[in-house]
């Protein structure tokens, strides 16, 4: 019996036309798009299926990504694909929490509309992010601590790939020191702000106020928090973790390692592109990994899992 994990990507994987065939072929997917339209007050079809600048603007990107992830998730559930644990990178954690029973589709979409807005409004000038390739995390952590200004690890993606975030000058200086310490490459990222750094704490504070209005449901399937890289089973922990997540490191590699250690042998990435699947190949190449972005992907998954098509 396979132990399946659903994993959901974050901001950055979006592209025009993502999720279209699910939308066109499944009423369940259309329902998610309709809810997202009501929640956001805009047409998800125009945002996601027509070429436009907004798709890459944080406050729109987040609702677009979550809409597609939840649309595909609901179709997979309808087809009988059930997970034993869920996780999502940054924004993707909201899809994971929904898959685990903590949020309804509407609640998740409402929160992400606010989260995207708060993060965009909180983005200060002079922030930056840089990917550090080929350097031990302990060395990166030490250099960040010694560097003057705000700079810290934003993402522990996979072995050999860590992202730092903070004030532009501090990030630049830290990257230079990391290069001297043996990093293979330091790649400045084209992002709109220093995400998952202390510079986003105000966004977390605003999000906390919105979370107070939400009743978190019982966690029926465990999910893993980005902040702790540990299973979350107690719904009382959720609000504090989501608040902290905005300005804390995303411990993705550690989250995947925990799942593998706990016996997860099959990972299903739900959403656009294969970012998380690529990370997984470096973290745990021995596990089975699938990616569902199109109906063809889903059919291949159902066949591999020997689930009869409904």
C-alpha atoms as a PDB file:
ATOM      1  CA  UNK A   1       0.000   0.000   0.000  1.00  0.00           C
ATOM      2  CA  UNK A   2       1.483   3.322  -1.067  1.00  0.00           C
ATOM      3  CA  UNK A   3       1.813   6.192   1.379  1.00  0.00           C
ATOM      4  CA  UNK A   4       0.991   9.279  -0.685  1.00  0.00           C
ATOM      5  CA  UNK A   5       1.870  12.920  -0.043  1.00  0.00           C
ATOM      6  CA  UNK A   6       0.328  15.812  -1.933  1.00  0.00           C
ATOM      7  CA  UNK A   7       2.756  18.720  -2.363  1.00  0.00           C
ATOM      8  CA  UNK A   8       1.848  22.170  -3.685  1.00  0.00           C
ATOM      9  CA  UNK A   9       4.169  24.772  -5.279  1.00  0.00           C
ATOM     10  CA  UNK A  10       4.386  28.450  -4.366  1.00  0.00           C
ATOM     11  CA  UNK A  11       4.563  31.738  -6.203  1.00  0.00           C
ATOM     12  CA  UNK A  12       6.844  31.798  -9.236  1.00  0.00           C
ATOM     13  CA  UNK A  13       5.519  28.741 -11.090  1.00  0.00           C
ATOM     14  CA  UNK A  14       2.558  30.609 -12.617  1.00  0.00           C
ATOM     15  CA  UNK A  15       1.992  30.954 -16.369  1.00  0.00           C
ATOM     16  CA  UNK A  16      -0.861  31.977 -18.660  1.00  0.00           C
ATOM     17  CA  UNK A  17      -3.209  29.077 -19.366  1.00  0.00           C
ATOM     18  CA  UNK A  18      -2.342  26.946 -16.342  1.00  0.00           C
ATOM     19  CA  UNK A  19      -5.152  24.603 -15.316  1.00  0.00           C
ATOM     20  CA  UNK A  20      -7.222  25.262 -18.442  1.00  0.00           C
ATOM     21  CA  UNK A  21      -8.011  21.658 -19.337  1.00  0.00           C
ATOM     22  CA  UNK A  22      -9.240  20.904 -15.804  1.00  0.00           C
ATOM     23  CA  UNK A  23     -11.431  24.017 -15.949  1.00  0.00           C
ATOM     24  CA  UNK A  24     -12.850  23.039 -19.341  1.00  0.00           C
ATOM     25  CA  UNK A  25     -13.548  19.404 -18.473  1.00  0.00           C
ATOM     26  CA  UNK A  26     -14.600  19.224 -14.819  1.00  0.00           C
ATOM     27  CA  UNK A  27     -17.468  20.958 -13.047  1.00  0.00           C
ATOM     28  CA  UNK A  28     -15.603  20.621  -9.729  1.00  0.00           C
ATOM     29  CA  UNK A  29     -12.730  22.693 -11.119  1.00  0.00           C
ATOM     30  CA  UNK A  30     -15.156  25.297 -12.519  1.00  0.00           C
ATOM     31  CA  UNK A  31     -16.707  25.604  -9.054  1.00  0.00           C
ATOM     32  CA  UNK A  32     -13.329  26.502  -7.542  1.00  0.00           C
ATOM     33  CA  UNK A  33     -12.772  29.157 -10.229  1.00  0.00           C
ATOM     34  CA  UNK A  34     -16.257  30.569  -9.531  1.00  0.00           C
ATOM     35  CA  UNK A  35     -15.605  30.787  -5.774  1.00  0.00           C
ATOM     36  CA  UNK A  36     -12.258  32.491  -6.425  1.00  0.00           C
ATOM     37  CA  UNK A  37     -13.999  34.984  -8.722  1.00  0.00           C
ATOM     38  CA  UNK A  38     -16.542  35.896  -6.041  1.00  0.00           C
ATOM     39  CA  UNK A  39     -13.901  36.139  -3.327  1.00  0.00           C
ATOM     40  CA  UNK A  40     -11.530  38.306  -5.366  1.00  0.00           C
ATOM     41  CA  UNK A  41     -14.116  40.325  -7.271  1.00  0.00           C
ATOM     42  CA  UNK A  42     -12.405  39.604 -10.578  1.00  0.00           C
ATOM     43  CA  UNK A  43     -12.575  37.070 -13.377  1.00  0.00           C
ATOM     44  CA  UNK A  44     -10.167  34.198 -12.721  1.00  0.00           C
ATOM     45  CA  UNK A  45     -10.611  33.113 -16.324  1.00  0.00           C
ATOM     46  CA  UNK A  46      -9.301  36.465 -17.591  1.00  0.00           C
ATOM     47  CA  UNK A  47      -6.501  36.581 -15.033  1.00  0.00           C
ATOM     48  CA  UNK A  48      -5.272  33.034 -15.682  1.00  0.00           C
ATOM     49  CA  UNK A  49      -6.184  32.235 -19.285  1.00  0.00           C
ATOM     50  CA  UNK A  50      -5.513  35.563 -21.051  1.00  0.00           C
ATOM     51  CA  UNK A  51      -2.077  37.160 -21.446  1.00  0.00           C
ATOM     52  CA  UNK A  52      -1.788  39.999 -18.930  1.00  0.00           C
ATOM     53  CA  UNK A  53       0.707  41.666 -16.601  1.00  0.00           C
ATOM     54  CA  UNK A  54      -1.350  41.053 -13.461  1.00  0.00           C
ATOM     55  CA  UNK A  55      -0.624  37.339 -13.315  1.00  0.00           C
ATOM     56  CA  UNK A  56       2.907  38.162 -12.155  1.00  0.00           C
ATOM     57  CA  UNK A  57       1.882  40.801  -9.583  1.00  0.00           C
ATOM     58  CA  UNK A  58       1.987  39.312  -6.070  1.00  0.00           C
ATOM     59  CA  UNK A  59      -1.549  40.211  -4.997  1.00  0.00           C
ATOM     60  CA  UNK A  60      -2.952  38.519  -8.129  1.00  0.00           C
ATOM     61  CA  UNK A  61      -0.404  35.716  -8.494  1.00  0.00           C
ATOM     62  CA  UNK A  62      -1.287  34.171  -5.154  1.00  0.00           C
ATOM     63  CA  UNK A  63      -5.026  33.856  -5.775  1.00  0.00           C
ATOM     64  CA  UNK A  64      -4.361  32.567  -9.309  1.00  0.00           C
ATOM     65  CA  UNK A  65      -1.937  29.872  -8.142  1.00  0.00           C
ATOM     66  CA  UNK A  66      -4.171  28.712  -5.297  1.00  0.00           C
ATOM     67  CA  UNK A  67      -7.224  28.599  -7.580  1.00  0.00           C
ATOM     68  CA  UNK A  68      -5.478  26.249 -10.001  1.00  0.00           C
ATOM     69  CA  UNK A  69      -4.005  24.067  -7.239  1.00  0.00           C
ATOM     70  CA  UNK A  70      -7.365  23.663  -5.497  1.00  0.00           C
ATOM     71  CA  UNK A  71      -9.180  23.027  -8.791  1.00  0.00           C
ATOM     72  CA  UNK A  72      -6.818  20.150  -9.605  1.00  0.00           C
ATOM     73  CA  UNK A  73      -6.900  18.887  -6.004  1.00  0.00           C
ATOM     74  CA  UNK A  74     -10.696  18.662  -5.980  1.00  0.00           C
ATOM     75  CA  UNK A  75     -10.722  16.711  -9.251  1.00  0.00           C
ATOM     76  CA  UNK A  76      -8.074  14.295  -7.941  1.00  0.00           C
ATOM     77  CA  UNK A  77     -10.089  13.745  -4.769  1.00  0.00           C
ATOM     78  CA  UNK A  78     -13.162  13.110  -6.905  1.00  0.00           C
ATOM     79  CA  UNK A  79     -11.152  10.497  -8.814  1.00  0.00           C
ATOM     80  CA  UNK A  80     -10.232   8.714  -5.608  1.00  0.00           C
ATOM     81  CA  UNK A  81      -6.630   9.864  -5.097  1.00  0.00           C
ATOM     82  CA  UNK A  82      -6.242  10.339  -1.359  1.00  0.00           C
ATOM     83  CA  UNK A  83      -3.152  11.521   0.514  1.00  0.00           C
ATOM     84  CA  UNK A  84      -1.739  10.452   3.881  1.00  0.00           C
ATOM     85  CA  UNK A  85       0.048  13.774   4.451  1.00  0.00           C
ATOM     86  CA  UNK A  86       0.213  17.173   2.709  1.00  0.00           C
ATOM     87  CA  UNK A  87       2.711  19.999   2.375  1.00  0.00           C
ATOM     88  CA  UNK A  88       3.031  23.177   0.330  1.00  0.00           C
ATOM     89  CA  UNK A  89       5.852  25.611  -0.272  1.00  0.00           C
ATOM     90  CA  UNK A  90       4.975  29.081   1.023  1.00  0.00           C
ATOM     91  CA  UNK A  91       1.676  29.963  -0.690  1.00  0.00           C
ATOM     92  CA  UNK A  92       1.221  26.239  -1.377  1.00  0.00           C
ATOM     93  CA  UNK A  93       0.786  25.632   2.356  1.00  0.00           C
ATOM     94  CA  UNK A  94      -2.751  27.023   2.035  1.00  0.00           C
ATOM     95  CA  UNK A  95      -3.604  24.318  -0.506  1.00  0.00           C
ATOM     96  CA  UNK A  96      -2.033  21.713   1.789  1.00  0.00           C
ATOM     97  CA  UNK A  97      -4.078  22.960   4.743  1.00  0.00           C
ATOM     98  CA  UNK A  98      -7.247  22.797   2.636  1.00  0.00           C
ATOM     99  CA  UNK A  99      -6.427  19.233   1.555  1.00  0.00           C
ATOM    100  CA  UNK A 100      -5.943  18.405   5.258  1.00  0.00           C
ATOM    101  CA  UNK A 101      -9.363  19.731   6.303  1.00  0.00           C
ATOM    102  CA  UNK A 102      -8.234  22.888   8.128  1.00  0.00           C
ATOM    103  CA  UNK A 103      -9.735  25.342   5.647  1.00  0.00           C
ATOM    104  CA  UNK A 104     -12.608  25.253   3.172  1.00  0.00           C
ATOM    105  CA  UNK A 105     -11.892  26.234  -0.432  1.00  0.00           C
ATOM    106  CA  UNK A 106     -13.578  29.596   0.165  1.00  0.00           C
ATOM    107  CA  UNK A 107     -11.689  30.299   3.400  1.00  0.00           C
ATOM    108  CA  UNK A 108      -8.333  29.452   1.825  1.00  0.00           C
ATOM    109  CA  UNK A 109      -9.001  31.713  -1.158  1.00  0.00           C
ATOM    110  CA  UNK A 110     -10.230  34.573   1.066  1.00  0.00           C
ATOM    111  CA  UNK A 111      -7.097  34.383   3.210  1.00  0.00           C
ATOM    112  CA  UNK A 112      -4.780  34.277   0.215  1.00  0.00           C
ATOM    113  CA  UNK A 113      -6.414  37.345  -1.344  1.00  0.00           C
ATOM    114  CA  UNK A 114      -5.550  39.206   1.882  1.00  0.00           C
ATOM    115  CA  UNK A 115      -2.101  37.593   2.187  1.00  0.00           C
ATOM    116  CA  UNK A 116      -1.121  38.601  -1.339  1.00  0.00           C
ATOM    117  CA  UNK A 117      -2.289  42.165  -0.748  1.00  0.00           C
ATOM    118  CA  UNK A 118      -0.540  42.474   2.619  1.00  0.00           C
ATOM    119  CA  UNK A 119       2.705  41.076   1.242  1.00  0.00           C
ATOM    120  CA  UNK A 120       2.647  43.451  -1.708  1.00  0.00           C
ATOM    121  CA  UNK A 121       1.850  46.465   0.471  1.00  0.00           C
ATOM    122  CA  UNK A 122       4.536  45.505   3.014  1.00  0.00           C
ATOM    123  CA  UNK A 123       7.268  45.048   0.413  1.00  0.00           C
ATOM    124  CA  UNK A 124       9.806  47.726   1.272  1.00  0.00           C
ATOM    125  CA  UNK A 125      12.127  49.294  -1.260  1.00  0.00           C
ATOM    126  CA  UNK A 126      15.661  48.007  -1.149  1.00  0.00           C
ATOM    127  CA  UNK A 127      14.816  44.342  -0.622  1.00  0.00           C
ATOM    128  CA  UNK A 128      16.345  41.436  -2.536  1.00  0.00           C
ATOM    129  CA  UNK A 129      16.630  37.648  -2.769  1.00  0.00           C
ATOM    130  CA  UNK A 130      19.542  35.547  -4.060  1.00  0.00           C
ATOM    131  CA  UNK A 131      19.838  31.803  -4.664  1.00  0.00           C
ATOM    132  CA  UNK A 132      23.030  30.287  -3.248  1.00  0.00           C
ATOM    133  CA  UNK A 133      24.187  27.137  -5.041  1.00  0.00           C
ATOM    134  CA  UNK A 134      26.594  24.549  -3.729  1.00  0.00           C
ATOM    135  CA  UNK A 135      27.261  25.738  -0.177  1.00  0.00           C
ATOM    136  CA  UNK A 136      26.415  24.028   3.136  1.00  0.00           C
ATOM    137  CA  UNK A 137      23.448  25.495   5.001  1.00  0.00           C
ATOM    138  CA  UNK A 138      25.503  25.861   8.201  1.00  0.00           C
ATOM    139  CA  UNK A 139      28.012  28.091   6.370  1.00  0.00           C
ATOM    140  CA  UNK A 140      25.203  30.179   4.865  1.00  0.00           C
ATOM    141  CA  UNK A 141      23.541  30.580   8.261  1.00  0.00           C
ATOM    142  CA  UNK A 142      26.821  31.683   9.843  1.00  0.00           C
ATOM    143  CA  UNK A 143      27.543  34.245   7.125  1.00  0.00           C
ATOM    144  CA  UNK A 144      24.001  35.675   7.384  1.00  0.00           C
ATOM    145  CA  UNK A 145      24.442  36.103  11.143  1.00  0.00           C
ATOM    146  CA  UNK A 146      27.749  37.902  10.700  1.00  0.00           C
ATOM    147  CA  UNK A 147      26.586  40.199   7.897  1.00  0.00           C
ATOM    148  CA  UNK A 148      25.529  43.714   8.902  1.00  0.00           C
ATOM    149  CA  UNK A 149      21.876  44.466   8.130  1.00  0.00           C
ATOM    150  CA  UNK A 150      18.855  42.222   7.604  1.00  0.00           C
ATOM    151  CA  UNK A 151      19.649  39.014   5.733  1.00  0.00           C
ATOM    152  CA  UNK A 152      18.568  35.450   6.459  1.00  0.00           C
ATOM    153  CA  UNK A 153      17.654  32.189   4.774  1.00  0.00           C
ATOM    154  CA  UNK A 154      14.292  32.400   3.029  1.00  0.00           C
ATOM    155  CA  UNK A 155      14.153  28.876   1.584  1.00  0.00           C
ATOM    156  CA  UNK A 156      15.920  25.605   2.295  1.00  0.00           C
ATOM    157  CA  UNK A 157      14.922  24.172  -1.093  1.00  0.00           C
ATOM    158  CA  UNK A 158      17.115  21.100  -1.543  1.00  0.00           C
ATOM    159  CA  UNK A 159      20.744  20.012  -1.133  1.00  0.00           C
ATOM    160  CA  UNK A 160      22.929  22.618  -2.811  1.00  0.00           C
ATOM    161  CA  UNK A 161      20.185  25.229  -3.241  1.00  0.00           C
ATOM    162  CA  UNK A 162      19.295  27.776  -0.576  1.00  0.00           C
ATOM    163  CA  UNK A 163      17.735  31.217  -1.038  1.00  0.00           C
ATOM    164  CA  UNK A 164      18.658  34.217   1.115  1.00  0.00           C
ATOM    165  CA  UNK A 165      16.488  37.302   1.562  1.00  0.00           C
ATOM    166  CA  UNK A 166      16.581  40.741   3.178  1.00  0.00           C
ATOM    167  CA  UNK A 167      17.947  44.231   2.622  1.00  0.00           C
ATOM    168  CA  UNK A 168      19.524  44.536  -0.832  1.00  0.00           C
ATOM    169  CA  UNK A 169      22.935  45.666   0.416  1.00  0.00           C
ATOM    170  CA  UNK A 170      23.064  42.997   3.124  1.00  0.00           C
ATOM    171  CA  UNK A 171      22.033  40.280   0.656  1.00  0.00           C
ATOM    172  CA  UNK A 172      24.714  41.450  -1.790  1.00  0.00           C
ATOM    173  CA  UNK A 173      27.439  41.469   0.875  1.00  0.00           C
ATOM    174  CA  UNK A 174      26.389  38.075   2.229  1.00  0.00           C
ATOM    175  CA  UNK A 175      26.389  36.594  -1.288  1.00  0.00           C
ATOM    176  CA  UNK A 176      29.916  37.924  -1.878  1.00  0.00           C
ATOM    177  CA  UNK A 177      31.083  36.288   1.351  1.00  0.00           C
ATOM    178  CA  UNK A 178      29.361  33.039   0.356  1.00  0.00           C
ATOM    179  CA  UNK A 179      31.111  33.076  -2.997  1.00  0.00           C
ATOM    180  CA  UNK A 180      34.425  33.486  -1.181  1.00  0.00           C
ATOM    181  CA  UNK A 181      33.455  30.611   1.130  1.00  0.00           C
ATOM    182  CA  UNK A 182      33.028  28.261  -1.835  1.00  0.00           C
ATOM    183  CA  UNK A 183      29.528  28.745  -3.237  1.00  0.00           C
ATOM    184  CA  UNK A 184      29.403  27.558  -6.855  1.00  0.00           C
ATOM    185  CA  UNK A 185      26.993  30.295  -7.902  1.00  0.00           C
ATOM    186  CA  UNK A 186      25.046  33.181  -6.357  1.00  0.00           C
ATOM    187  CA  UNK A 187      22.057  34.088  -8.519  1.00  0.00           C
ATOM    188  CA  UNK A 188      20.051  37.281  -7.796  1.00  0.00           C
ATOM    189  CA  UNK A 189      16.346  36.484  -8.207  1.00  0.00           C
ATOM    190  CA  UNK A 190      13.887  38.614 -10.141  1.00  0.00           C
ATOM    191  CA  UNK A 191      11.338  39.032  -7.351  1.00  0.00           C
ATOM    192  CA  UNK A 192       9.184  41.898  -6.159  1.00  0.00           C
ATOM    193  CA  UNK A 193      10.377  41.818  -2.562  1.00  0.00           C
ATOM    194  CA  UNK A 194      12.432  40.189   0.203  1.00  0.00           C
ATOM    195  CA  UNK A 195       9.958  37.404   0.934  1.00  0.00           C
ATOM    196  CA  UNK A 196      10.329  35.185   4.012  1.00  0.00           C
ATOM    197  CA  UNK A 197      12.527  37.715   5.781  1.00  0.00           C
ATOM    198  CA  UNK A 198      12.009  39.964   8.817  1.00  0.00           C
ATOM    199  CA  UNK A 199      11.173  42.775   6.380  1.00  0.00           C
ATOM    200  CA  UNK A 200       7.762  41.124   5.861  1.00  0.00           C
ATOM    201  CA  UNK A 201       6.796  40.981   9.539  1.00  0.00           C
ATOM    202  CA  UNK A 202       4.151  43.704   9.127  1.00  0.00           C
ATOM    203  CA  UNK A 203       2.382  41.564   6.533  1.00  0.00           C
ATOM    204  CA  UNK A 204       2.298  38.716   9.042  1.00  0.00           C
ATOM    205  CA  UNK A 205       0.829  40.994  11.692  1.00  0.00           C
ATOM    206  CA  UNK A 206      -1.951  42.074   9.325  1.00  0.00           C
ATOM    207  CA  UNK A 207      -2.597  38.482   8.310  1.00  0.00           C
ATOM    208  CA  UNK A 208      -2.916  37.497  11.978  1.00  0.00           C
ATOM    209  CA  UNK A 209      -5.902  39.858  12.304  1.00  0.00           C
ATOM    210  CA  UNK A 210      -7.609  38.179   9.334  1.00  0.00           C
ATOM    211  CA  UNK A 211      -6.870  34.722  10.713  1.00  0.00           C
ATOM    212  CA  UNK A 212      -8.666  35.654  13.926  1.00  0.00           C
ATOM    213  CA  UNK A 213     -11.898  35.838  11.903  1.00  0.00           C
ATOM    214  CA  UNK A 214     -11.497  32.263  10.632  1.00  0.00           C
ATOM    215  CA  UNK A 215     -12.539  29.045  12.357  1.00  0.00           C
ATOM    216  CA  UNK A 216      -9.843  26.480  11.595  1.00  0.00           C
ATOM    217  CA  UNK A 217     -11.362  23.052  10.989  1.00  0.00           C
ATOM    218  CA  UNK A 218     -10.190  19.738  12.421  1.00  0.00           C
ATOM    219  CA  UNK A 219      -6.997  18.498  10.754  1.00  0.00           C
ATOM    220  CA  UNK A 220      -8.194  15.203   9.290  1.00  0.00           C
ATOM    221  CA  UNK A 221      -4.943  14.520   7.424  1.00  0.00           C
ATOM    222  CA  UNK A 222      -1.584  15.686   8.830  1.00  0.00           C
ATOM    223  CA  UNK A 223       0.182  18.508   7.034  1.00  0.00           C
ATOM    224  CA  UNK A 224       3.672  19.895   7.523  1.00  0.00           C
ATOM    225  CA  UNK A 225       4.386  23.485   8.486  1.00  0.00           C
ATOM    226  CA  UNK A 226       6.982  25.477   6.523  1.00  0.00           C
ATOM    227  CA  UNK A 227       8.106  27.122   9.762  1.00  0.00           C
ATOM    228  CA  UNK A 228       8.825  24.017  11.844  1.00  0.00           C
ATOM    229  CA  UNK A 229       9.142  21.244   9.216  1.00  0.00           C
ATOM    230  CA  UNK A 230       6.993  19.177  11.579  1.00  0.00           C
ATOM    231  CA  UNK A 231       3.580  17.558  11.336  1.00  0.00           C
ATOM    232  CA  UNK A 232       0.630  19.697  12.395  1.00  0.00           C
ATOM    233  CA  UNK A 233      -2.310  17.802  13.897  1.00  0.00           C
ATOM    234  CA  UNK A 234      -3.630  20.370  16.379  1.00  0.00           C
ATOM    235  CA  UNK A 235      -5.794  23.041  14.745  1.00  0.00           C
ATOM    236  CA  UNK A 236      -4.886  25.452  17.560  1.00  0.00           C
ATOM    237  CA  UNK A 237      -1.338  25.694  16.159  1.00  0.00           C
ATOM    238  CA  UNK A 238      -2.369  26.714  12.653  1.00  0.00           C
ATOM    239  CA  UNK A 239      -2.955  30.471  12.994  1.00  0.00           C
ATOM    240  CA  UNK A 240       0.341  31.158  14.730  1.00  0.00           C
ATOM    241  CA  UNK A 241       2.259  29.114  12.170  1.00  0.00           C
ATOM    242  CA  UNK A 242       0.615  30.844   9.187  1.00  0.00           C
ATOM    243  CA  UNK A 243       1.347  34.222  10.744  1.00  0.00           C
ATOM    244  CA  UNK A 244       5.005  33.376  11.298  1.00  0.00           C
ATOM    245  CA  UNK A 245       5.356  31.772   7.863  1.00  0.00           C
ATOM    246  CA  UNK A 246       5.257  35.110   6.015  1.00  0.00           C
ATOM    247  CA  UNK A 247       8.560  36.254   7.525  1.00  0.00           C
ATOM    248  CA  UNK A 248      10.180  32.911   8.450  1.00  0.00           C
ATOM    249  CA  UNK A 249      12.416  30.492   6.564  1.00  0.00           C
ATOM    250  CA  UNK A 250      10.621  27.874   4.462  1.00  0.00           C
ATOM    251  CA  UNK A 251      12.114  24.576   5.636  1.00  0.00           C
ATOM    252  CA  UNK A 252      11.189  22.618   2.525  1.00  0.00           C
ATOM    253  CA  UNK A 253      14.091  20.186   2.352  1.00  0.00           C
ATOM    254  CA  UNK A 254      13.605  19.287   6.018  1.00  0.00           C
ATOM    255  CA  UNK A 255       9.860  18.793   5.422  1.00  0.00           C
ATOM    256  CA  UNK A 256      10.482  16.338   2.584  1.00  0.00           C
ATOM    257  CA  UNK A 257      13.121  14.486   4.594  1.00  0.00           C
ATOM    258  CA  UNK A 258      10.656  14.065   7.472  1.00  0.00           C
ATOM    259  CA  UNK A 259       7.991  12.610   5.186  1.00  0.00           C
ATOM    260  CA  UNK A 260      10.429  10.138   3.652  1.00  0.00           C
ATOM    261  CA  UNK A 261      11.636   9.115   7.124  1.00  0.00           C
ATOM    262  CA  UNK A 262       7.979   8.576   8.124  1.00  0.00           C
ATOM    263  CA  UNK A 263       7.428   6.185   5.227  1.00  0.00           C
ATOM    264  CA  UNK A 264       6.006   8.376   2.444  1.00  0.00           C
ATOM    265  CA  UNK A 265       7.011   6.644  -0.780  1.00  0.00           C
ATOM    266  CA  UNK A 266       4.869   8.474  -3.351  1.00  0.00           C
ATOM    267  CA  UNK A 267       4.787  12.247  -3.871  1.00  0.00           C
ATOM    268  CA  UNK A 268       2.230  13.974  -6.092  1.00  0.00           C
ATOM    269  CA  UNK A 269       3.019  17.588  -6.984  1.00  0.00           C
ATOM    270  CA  UNK A 270      -0.225  19.420  -7.772  1.00  0.00           C
ATOM    271  CA  UNK A 271      -0.018  22.621  -9.820  1.00  0.00           C
ATOM    272  CA  UNK A 272       1.973  24.322 -12.552  1.00  0.00           C
ATOM    273  CA  UNK A 273       5.532  23.330 -13.514  1.00  0.00           C
ATOM    274  CA  UNK A 274       7.764  20.783 -11.777  1.00  0.00           C
ATOM    275  CA  UNK A 275       9.711  22.898  -9.293  1.00  0.00           C
ATOM    276  CA  UNK A 276       9.041  20.691  -6.270  1.00  0.00           C
ATOM    277  CA  UNK A 277       9.577  17.480  -8.222  1.00  0.00           C
ATOM    278  CA  UNK A 278      13.016  18.788  -9.223  1.00  0.00           C
ATOM    279  CA  UNK A 279      13.840  19.528  -5.575  1.00  0.00           C
ATOM    280  CA  UNK A 280      12.623  16.067  -4.579  1.00  0.00           C
ATOM    281  CA  UNK A 281      14.981  14.347  -7.015  1.00  0.00           C
ATOM    282  CA  UNK A 282      17.880  15.945  -5.136  1.00  0.00           C
ATOM    283  CA  UNK A 283      16.397  15.322  -1.672  1.00  0.00           C
ATOM    284  CA  UNK A 284      15.140  11.740  -2.063  1.00  0.00           C
ATOM    285  CA  UNK A 285      15.755  10.293  -5.545  1.00  0.00           C
ATOM    286  CA  UNK A 286      14.581   6.859  -4.385  1.00  0.00           C
ATOM    287  CA  UNK A 287      10.898   7.801  -3.941  1.00  0.00           C
ATOM    288  CA  UNK A 288       8.197   7.764  -6.620  1.00  0.00           C
ATOM    289  CA  UNK A 289       7.320  11.248  -7.800  1.00  0.00           C
ATOM    290  CA  UNK A 290       4.412  12.388  -9.966  1.00  0.00           C
ATOM    291  CA  UNK A 291       3.347  15.797 -11.192  1.00  0.00           C
ATOM    292  CA  UNK A 292      -0.246  16.717 -12.069  1.00  0.00           C
ATOM    293  CA  UNK A 293      -0.580  19.843 -14.172  1.00  0.00           C
ATOM    294  CA  UNK A 294      -2.687  18.535 -17.070  1.00  0.00           C
ATOM    295  CA  UNK A 295      -5.360  15.891 -17.604  1.00  0.00           C
ATOM    296  CA  UNK A 296      -2.745  13.709 -19.303  1.00  0.00           C
ATOM    297  CA  UNK A 297      -0.646  13.876 -16.114  1.00  0.00           C
ATOM    298  CA  UNK A 298      -3.688  12.855 -14.078  1.00  0.00           C
ATOM    299  CA  UNK A 299      -4.484   9.909 -16.331  1.00  0.00           C
ATOM    300  CA  UNK A 300      -0.897   8.676 -16.036  1.00  0.00           C
ATOM    301  CA  UNK A 301      -1.098   9.001 -12.241  1.00  0.00           C
ATOM    302  CA  UNK A 302      -4.392   7.083 -12.042  1.00  0.00           C
ATOM    303  CA  UNK A 303      -2.909   4.335 -14.202  1.00  0.00           C
ATOM    304  CA  UNK A 304       0.258   4.126 -12.072  1.00  0.00           C
ATOM    305  CA  UNK A 305      -1.759   4.016  -8.842  1.00  0.00           C
ATOM    306  CA  UNK A 306      -4.134   1.468 -10.419  1.00  0.00           C
ATOM    307  CA  UNK A 307      -7.126   3.654  -9.662  1.00  0.00           C
ATOM    308  CA  UNK A 308     -10.067   2.953 -11.921  1.00  0.00           C
ATOM    309  CA  UNK A 309     -11.055   6.036 -13.924  1.00  0.00           C
ATOM    310  CA  UNK A 310     -14.445   7.454 -12.942  1.00  0.00           C
END
